[in-house]
Amino acid sequence: MPTPQDFHFLLLPEFSSIGFMSAIDKPLRVANRFSGELYRWHIVSVDGGPVAASNGISLNAECVIDSVKDA
């Protein structure tokens, strides 16, 4: 099986939670469900801290954007 492809999502304050969730749920999560681990996704922010969406939901970032290396 090939190495999973990593996606890093940079979330900025007031991001659209529905847009973000749609980017993960249908193409990435469903593909993994039917074909094994093809994709991994990571949430990053400018400062490494949580980010609040436009609807008030806050998501924790895994890391700061500066720590993401080019693949």
PDB file of N, CA and C in Angstrom:
ATOM      1  N   MET A   1       0.843  -1.184   0.000  1.00  0.00           N
ATOM      2  CA  MET A   1       0.000   0.000   0.000  1.00  0.00           C
ATOM      3  C   MET A   1       0.886   1.245   0.000  1.00  0.00           C
ATOM      4  N   PRO A   2       0.518   2.267  -0.783  1.00  0.00           N
ATOM      5  CA  PRO A   2       1.343   3.479  -0.850  1.00  0.00           C
ATOM      6  C   PRO A   2       1.311   4.266   0.458  1.00  0.00           C
ATOM      7  N   THR A   3       2.309   5.109   0.639  1.00  0.00           N
ATOM      8  CA  THR A   3       2.355   5.990   1.802  1.00  0.00           C
ATOM      9  C   THR A   3       1.206   6.991   1.709  1.00  0.00           C
ATOM     10  N   PRO A   4       0.481   7.197   2.807  1.00  0.00           N
ATOM     11  CA  PRO A   4      -0.632   8.158   2.762  1.00  0.00           C
ATOM     12  C   PRO A   4      -0.148   9.561   2.410  1.00  0.00           C
ATOM     13  N   GLN A   5      -0.971  10.277   1.688  1.00  0.00           N
ATOM     14  CA  GLN A   5      -0.674  11.661   1.329  1.00  0.00           C
ATOM     15  C   GLN A   5      -1.173  12.566   2.448  1.00  0.00           C
ATOM     16  N   ASP A   6      -0.318  13.478   2.891  1.00  0.00           N
ATOM     17  CA  ASP A   6      -0.669  14.396   3.971  1.00  0.00           C
ATOM     18  C   ASP A   6      -1.223  15.700   3.413  1.00  0.00           C
ATOM     19  N   PHE A   7      -2.302  16.175   4.034  1.00  0.00           N
ATOM     20  CA  PHE A   7      -2.882  17.476   3.741  1.00  0.00           C
ATOM     21  C   PHE A   7      -2.799  18.308   5.004  1.00  0.00           C
ATOM     22  N   HIS A   8      -2.326  19.535   4.865  1.00  0.00           N
ATOM     23  CA  HIS A   8      -2.260  20.464   5.986  1.00  0.00           C
ATOM     24  C   HIS A   8      -3.254  21.587   5.718  1.00  0.00           C
ATOM     25  N   PHE A   9      -4.180  21.767   6.633  1.00  0.00           N
ATOM     26  CA  PHE A   9      -5.187  22.809   6.508  1.00  0.00           C
ATOM     27  C   PHE A   9      -4.836  23.945   7.460  1.00  0.00           C
ATOM     28  N   LEU A  10      -4.515  25.103   6.899  1.00  0.00           N
ATOM     29  CA  LEU A  10      -4.243  26.289   7.701  1.00  0.00           C
ATOM     30  C   LEU A  10      -5.581  26.962   7.997  1.00  0.00           C
ATOM     31  N   LEU A  11      -5.969  26.954   9.260  1.00  0.00           N
ATOM     32  CA  LEU A  11      -7.216  27.587   9.663  1.00  0.00           C
ATOM     33  C   LEU A  11      -6.923  28.989  10.192  1.00  0.00           C
ATOM     34  N   LEU A  12      -7.689  29.936   9.685  1.00  0.00           N
ATOM     35  CA  LEU A  12      -7.578  31.328  10.119  1.00  0.00           C
ATOM     36  C   LEU A  12      -8.841  31.688  10.887  1.00  0.00           C
ATOM     37  N   PRO A  13      -8.766  32.680  11.790  1.00  0.00           N
ATOM     38  CA  PRO A  13      -9.948  33.072  12.547  1.00  0.00           C
ATOM     39  C   PRO A  13     -11.137  33.370  11.625  1.00  0.00           C
ATOM     40  N   GLU A  14     -12.310  32.928  12.058  1.00  0.00           N
ATOM     41  CA  GLU A  14     -13.555  33.109  11.316  1.00  0.00           C
ATOM     42  C   GLU A  14     -13.631  32.248  10.052  1.00  0.00           C
ATOM     43  N   PHE A  15     -12.863  31.137  10.005  1.00  0.00           N
ATOM     44  CA  PHE A  15     -12.935  30.246   8.851  1.00  0.00           C
ATOM     45  C   PHE A  15     -14.324  29.630   8.760  1.00  0.00           C
ATOM     46  N   SER A  16     -14.679  29.149   7.580  1.00  0.00           N
ATOM     47  CA  SER A  16     -15.975  28.509   7.369  1.00  0.00           C
ATOM     48  C   SER A  16     -15.876  27.048   7.810  1.00  0.00           C
ATOM     49  N   SER A  17     -16.585  26.699   8.873  1.00  0.00           N
ATOM     50  CA  SER A  17     -16.509  25.321   9.350  1.00  0.00           C
ATOM     51  C   SER A  17     -17.136  24.353   8.349  1.00  0.00           C
ATOM     52  N   ILE A  18     -18.195  24.754   7.671  1.00  0.00           N
ATOM     53  CA  ILE A  18     -18.824  23.854   6.707  1.00  0.00           C
ATOM     54  C   ILE A  18     -17.900  23.610   5.511  1.00  0.00           C
ATOM     55  N   GLY A  19     -17.188  24.624   5.078  1.00  0.00           N
ATOM     56  CA  GLY A  19     -16.233  24.447   3.992  1.00  0.00           C
ATOM     57  C   GLY A  19     -15.087  23.528   4.394  1.00  0.00           C
ATOM     58  N   PHE A  20     -14.579  23.735   5.600  1.00  0.00           N
ATOM     59  CA  PHE A  20     -13.492  22.901   6.104  1.00  0.00           C
ATOM     60  C   PHE A  20     -13.931  21.452   6.261  1.00  0.00           C
ATOM     61  N   MET A  21     -15.070  21.242   6.891  1.00  0.00           N
ATOM     62  CA  MET A  21     -15.563  19.876   7.096  1.00  0.00           C
ATOM     63  C   MET A  21     -15.871  19.187   5.764  1.00  0.00           C
ATOM     64  N   SER A  22     -16.380  19.935   4.802  1.00  0.00           N
ATOM     65  CA  SER A  22     -16.672  19.359   3.482  1.00  0.00           C
ATOM     66  C   SER A  22     -15.389  18.935   2.767  1.00  0.00           C
ATOM     67  N   ALA A  23     -14.329  19.660   2.979  1.00  0.00           N
ATOM     68  CA  ALA A  23     -13.052  19.306   2.345  1.00  0.00           C
ATOM     69  C   ALA A  23     -12.492  18.002   2.907  1.00  0.00           C
ATOM     70  N   ILE A  24     -12.779  17.716   4.161  1.00  0.00           N
ATOM     71  CA  ILE A  24     -12.276  16.493   4.799  1.00  0.00           C
ATOM     72  C   ILE A  24     -13.257  15.333   4.645  1.00  0.00           C
ATOM     73  N   ASP A  25     -14.504  15.572   4.974  1.00  0.00           N
ATOM     74  CA  ASP A  25     -15.462  14.473   5.116  1.00  0.00           C
ATOM     75  C   ASP A  25     -15.707  13.699   3.834  1.00  0.00           C
ATOM     76  N   LYS A  26     -16.027  14.339   2.773  1.00  0.00           N
ATOM     77  CA  LYS A  26     -16.384  13.598   1.561  1.00  0.00           C
ATOM     78  C   LYS A  26     -15.159  13.063   0.813  1.00  0.00           C
ATOM     79  N   PRO A  27     -14.259  13.904   0.375  1.00  0.00           N
ATOM     80  CA  PRO A  27     -13.182  13.344  -0.448  1.00  0.00           C
ATOM     81  C   PRO A  27     -12.156  12.522   0.325  1.00  0.00           C
ATOM     82  N   LEU A  28     -11.719  12.993   1.489  1.00  0.00           N
ATOM     83  CA  LEU A  28     -10.618  12.318   2.190  1.00  0.00           C
ATOM     84  C   LEU A  28     -11.093  11.171   3.082  1.00  0.00           C
ATOM     85  N   ARG A  29     -12.035  11.460   3.967  1.00  0.00           N
ATOM     86  CA  ARG A  29     -12.489  10.437   4.905  1.00  0.00           C
ATOM     87  C   ARG A  29     -13.175   9.276   4.193  1.00  0.00           C
ATOM     88  N   VAL A  30     -14.014   9.573   3.226  1.00  0.00           N
ATOM     89  CA  VAL A  30     -14.727   8.505   2.527  1.00  0.00           C
ATOM     90  C   VAL A  30     -13.750   7.665   1.700  1.00  0.00           C
ATOM     91  N   ALA A  31     -12.791   8.302   1.060  1.00  0.00           N
ATOM     92  CA  ALA A  31     -11.789   7.536   0.307  1.00  0.00           C
ATOM     93  C   ALA A  31     -11.036   6.588   1.234  1.00  0.00           C
ATOM     94  N   ASN A  32     -10.661   7.060   2.415  1.00  0.00           N
ATOM     95  CA  ASN A  32      -9.975   6.196   3.382  1.00  0.00           C
ATOM     96  C   ASN A  32     -10.867   5.042   3.836  1.00  0.00           C
ATOM     97  N   ARG A  33     -12.122   5.330   3.999  1.00  0.00           N
ATOM     98  CA  ARG A  33     -13.043   4.293   4.472  1.00  0.00           C
ATOM     99  C   ARG A  33     -13.128   3.118   3.506  1.00  0.00           C
ATOM    100  N   PHE A  34     -13.111   3.399   2.212  1.00  0.00           N
ATOM    101  CA  PHE A  34     -13.274   2.349   1.222  1.00  0.00           C
ATOM    102  C   PHE A  34     -11.968   1.796   0.663  1.00  0.00           C
ATOM    103  N   SER A  35     -10.873   2.527   0.830  1.00  0.00           N
ATOM    104  CA  SER A  35      -9.621   2.090   0.204  1.00  0.00           C
ATOM    105  C   SER A  35      -8.436   2.025   1.150  1.00  0.00           C
ATOM    106  N   GLY A  36      -8.641   2.094   2.438  1.00  0.00           N
ATOM    107  CA  GLY A  36      -7.526   2.084   3.374  1.00  0.00           C
ATOM    108  C   GLY A  36      -7.035   3.497   3.609  1.00  0.00           C
ATOM    109  N   GLU A  37      -5.924   3.622   4.298  1.00  0.00           N
ATOM    110  CA  GLU A  37      -5.407   4.943   4.637  1.00  0.00           C
ATOM    111  C   GLU A  37      -4.658   5.552   3.453  1.00  0.00           C
ATOM    112  N   LEU A  38      -5.378   6.284   2.629  1.00  0.00           N
ATOM    113  CA  LEU A  38      -4.781   6.983   1.492  1.00  0.00           C
ATOM    114  C   LEU A  38      -4.364   8.393   1.867  1.00  0.00           C
ATOM    115  N   TYR A  39      -5.118   9.008   2.787  1.00  0.00           N
ATOM    116  CA  TYR A  39      -4.920  10.414   3.129  1.00  0.00           C
ATOM    117  C   TYR A  39      -4.881  10.604   4.632  1.00  0.00           C
ATOM    118  N   ARG A  40      -4.059  11.574   5.045  1.00  0.00           N
ATOM    119  CA  ARG A  40      -4.043  12.044   6.429  1.00  0.00           C
ATOM    120  C   ARG A  40      -4.185  13.555   6.373  1.00  0.00           C
ATOM    121  N   TRP A  41      -4.864  14.131   7.343  1.00  0.00           N
ATOM    122  CA  TRP A  41      -5.004  15.573   7.362  1.00  0.00           C
ATOM    123  C   TRP A  41      -4.588  16.104   8.715  1.00  0.00           C
ATOM    124  N   HIS A  42      -4.097  17.323   8.674  1.00  0.00           N
ATOM    125  CA  HIS A  42      -3.556  17.973   9.864  1.00  0.00           C
ATOM    126  C   HIS A  42      -4.081  19.396   9.913  1.00  0.00           C
ATOM    127  N   ILE A  43      -4.430  19.833  11.102  1.00  0.00           N
ATOM    128  CA  ILE A  43      -4.899  21.199  11.298  1.00  0.00           C
ATOM    129  C   ILE A  43      -3.737  22.029  11.826  1.00  0.00           C
ATOM    130  N   VAL A  44      -3.455  23.125  11.144  1.00  0.00           N
ATOM    131  CA  VAL A  44      -2.389  24.026  11.574  1.00  0.00           C
ATOM    132  C   VAL A  44      -2.965  25.432  11.713  1.00  0.00           C
ATOM    133  N   SER A  45      -2.291  26.237  12.508  1.00  0.00           N
ATOM    134  CA  SER A  45      -2.703  27.629  12.674  1.00  0.00           C
ATOM    135  C   SER A  45      -1.469  28.513  12.650  1.00  0.00           C
ATOM    136  N   VAL A  46      -1.694  29.799  12.603  1.00  0.00           N
ATOM    137  CA  VAL A  46      -0.588  30.753  12.530  1.00  0.00           C
ATOM    138  C   VAL A  46       0.286  30.670  13.776  1.00  0.00           C
ATOM    139  N   ASP A  47      -0.344  30.496  14.950  1.00  0.00           N
ATOM    140  CA  ASP A  47       0.413  30.479  16.202  1.00  0.00           C
ATOM    141  C   ASP A  47       0.428  29.125  16.914  1.00  0.00           C
ATOM    142  N   GLY A  48      -0.208  28.106  16.320  1.00  0.00           N
ATOM    143  CA  GLY A  48      -0.246  26.784  16.926  1.00  0.00           C
ATOM    144  C   GLY A  48      -1.381  26.591  17.918  1.00  0.00           C
ATOM    145  N   GLY A  49      -2.144  27.643  18.163  1.00  0.00           N
ATOM    146  CA  GLY A  49      -3.248  27.567  19.113  1.00  0.00           C
ATOM    147  C   GLY A  49      -4.571  27.255  18.439  1.00  0.00           C
ATOM    148  N   PRO A  50      -5.632  27.149  19.238  1.00  0.00           N
ATOM    149  CA  PRO A  50      -6.958  26.883  18.689  1.00  0.00           C
ATOM    150  C   PRO A  50      -7.425  28.037  17.801  1.00  0.00           C
ATOM    151  N   VAL A  51      -8.325  27.711  16.868  1.00  0.00           N
ATOM    152  CA  VAL A  51      -8.860  28.712  15.949  1.00  0.00           C
ATOM    153  C   VAL A  51     -10.381  28.621  15.977  1.00  0.00           C
ATOM    154  N   ALA A  52     -11.041  29.772  16.107  1.00  0.00           N
ATOM    155  CA  ALA A  52     -12.501  29.816  16.142  1.00  0.00           C
ATOM    156  C   ALA A  52     -13.057  30.039  14.739  1.00  0.00           C
ATOM    157  N   ALA A  53     -14.044  29.222  14.395  1.00  0.00           N
ATOM    158  CA  ALA A  53     -14.730  29.354  13.112  1.00  0.00           C
ATOM    159  C   ALA A  53     -15.748  30.494  13.182  1.00  0.00           C
ATOM    160  N   SER A  54     -16.327  30.826  12.048  1.00  0.00           N
ATOM    161  CA  SER A  54     -17.317  31.898  11.997  1.00  0.00           C
ATOM    162  C   SER A  54     -18.567  31.570  12.811  1.00  0.00           C
ATOM    163  N   ASN A  55     -18.827  30.289  13.046  1.00  0.00           N
ATOM    164  CA  ASN A  55     -19.998  29.900  13.840  1.00  0.00           C
ATOM    165  C   ASN A  55     -19.673  29.719  15.327  1.00  0.00           C
ATOM    166  N   GLY A  56     -18.427  30.013  15.726  1.00  0.00           N
ATOM    167  CA  GLY A  56     -18.035  29.945  17.129  1.00  0.00           C
ATOM    168  C   GLY A  56     -17.370  28.655  17.559  1.00  0.00           C
ATOM    169  N   ILE A  57     -17.424  27.628  16.729  1.00  0.00           N
ATOM    170  CA  ILE A  57     -16.755  26.366  17.059  1.00  0.00           C
ATOM    171  C   ILE A  57     -15.249  26.582  16.994  1.00  0.00           C
ATOM    172  N   SER A  58     -14.538  26.074  17.963  1.00  0.00           N
ATOM    173  CA  SER A  58     -13.090  26.220  18.010  1.00  0.00           C
ATOM    174  C   SER A  58     -12.428  24.865  17.770  1.00  0.00           C
ATOM    175  N   LEU A  59     -11.423  24.846  16.913  1.00  0.00           N
ATOM    176  CA  LEU A  59     -10.663  23.621  16.653  1.00  0.00           C
ATOM    177  C   LEU A  59      -9.223  23.813  17.108  1.00  0.00           C
ATOM    178  N   ASN A  60      -8.669  22.782  17.721  1.00  0.00           N
ATOM    179  CA  ASN A  60      -7.275  22.817  18.153  1.00  0.00           C
ATOM    180  C   ASN A  60      -6.363  22.506  16.984  1.00  0.00           C
ATOM    181  N   ALA A  61      -5.315  23.275  16.851  1.00  0.00           N
ATOM    182  CA  ALA A  61      -4.308  23.029  15.824  1.00  0.00           C
ATOM    183  C   ALA A  61      -3.295  22.018  16.338  1.00  0.00           C
ATOM    184  N   GLU A  62      -2.743  21.242  15.421  1.00  0.00           N
ATOM    185  CA  GLU A  62      -1.692  20.287  15.781  1.00  0.00           C
ATOM    186  C   GLU A  62      -0.338  20.968  15.898  1.00  0.00           C
ATOM    187  N   CYS A  63      -0.163  22.036  15.114  1.00  0.00           N
ATOM    188  CA  CYS A  63       1.128  22.714  15.118  1.00  0.00           C
ATOM    189  C   CYS A  63       1.008  24.094  14.495  1.00  0.00           C
ATOM    190  N   VAL A  64       2.085  24.828  14.557  1.00  0.00           N
ATOM    191  CA  VAL A  64       2.186  26.151  13.949  1.00  0.00           C
ATOM    192  C   VAL A  64       2.576  25.984  12.482  1.00  0.00           C
ATOM    193  N   ILE A  65       2.097  26.863  11.630  1.00  0.00           N
ATOM    194  CA  ILE A  65       2.328  26.734  10.182  1.00  0.00           C
ATOM    195  C   ILE A  65       3.824  26.717   9.843  1.00  0.00           C
ATOM    196  N   ASP A  66       4.636  27.434  10.588  1.00  0.00           N
ATOM    197  CA  ASP A  66       6.074  27.489  10.295  1.00  0.00           C
ATOM    198  C   ASP A  66       6.770  26.144  10.464  1.00  0.00           C
ATOM    199  N   SER A  67       6.146  25.222  11.193  1.00  0.00           N
ATOM    200  CA  SER A  67       6.783  23.913  11.399  1.00  0.00           C
ATOM    201  C   SER A  67       6.461  22.901  10.306  1.00  0.00           C
ATOM    202  N   VAL A  68       5.576  23.264   9.376  1.00  0.00           N
ATOM    203  CA  VAL A  68       5.206  22.355   8.295  1.00  0.00           C
ATOM    204  C   VAL A  68       6.280  22.419   7.214  1.00  0.00           C
ATOM    205  N   LYS A  69       6.830  21.280   6.902  1.00  0.00           N
ATOM    206  CA  LYS A  69       7.902  21.185   5.901  1.00  0.00           C
ATOM    207  C   LYS A  69       7.313  20.858   4.545  1.00  0.00           C
ATOM    208  N   ASP A  70       7.970  21.305   3.488  1.00  0.00           N
ATOM    209  CA  ASP A  70       7.565  20.915   2.137  1.00  0.00           C
ATOM    210  C   ASP A  70       7.837  19.443   1.953  1.00  0.00           C
ATOM    211  N   ALA A  71       6.917  18.767   1.294  1.00  0.00           N
ATOM    212  CA  ALA A  71       7.078  17.337   1.049  1.00  0.00           C
ATOM    213  C   ALA A  71       7.945  17.088  -0.160  1.00  0.00           C
TER     214      ALA A  71
END
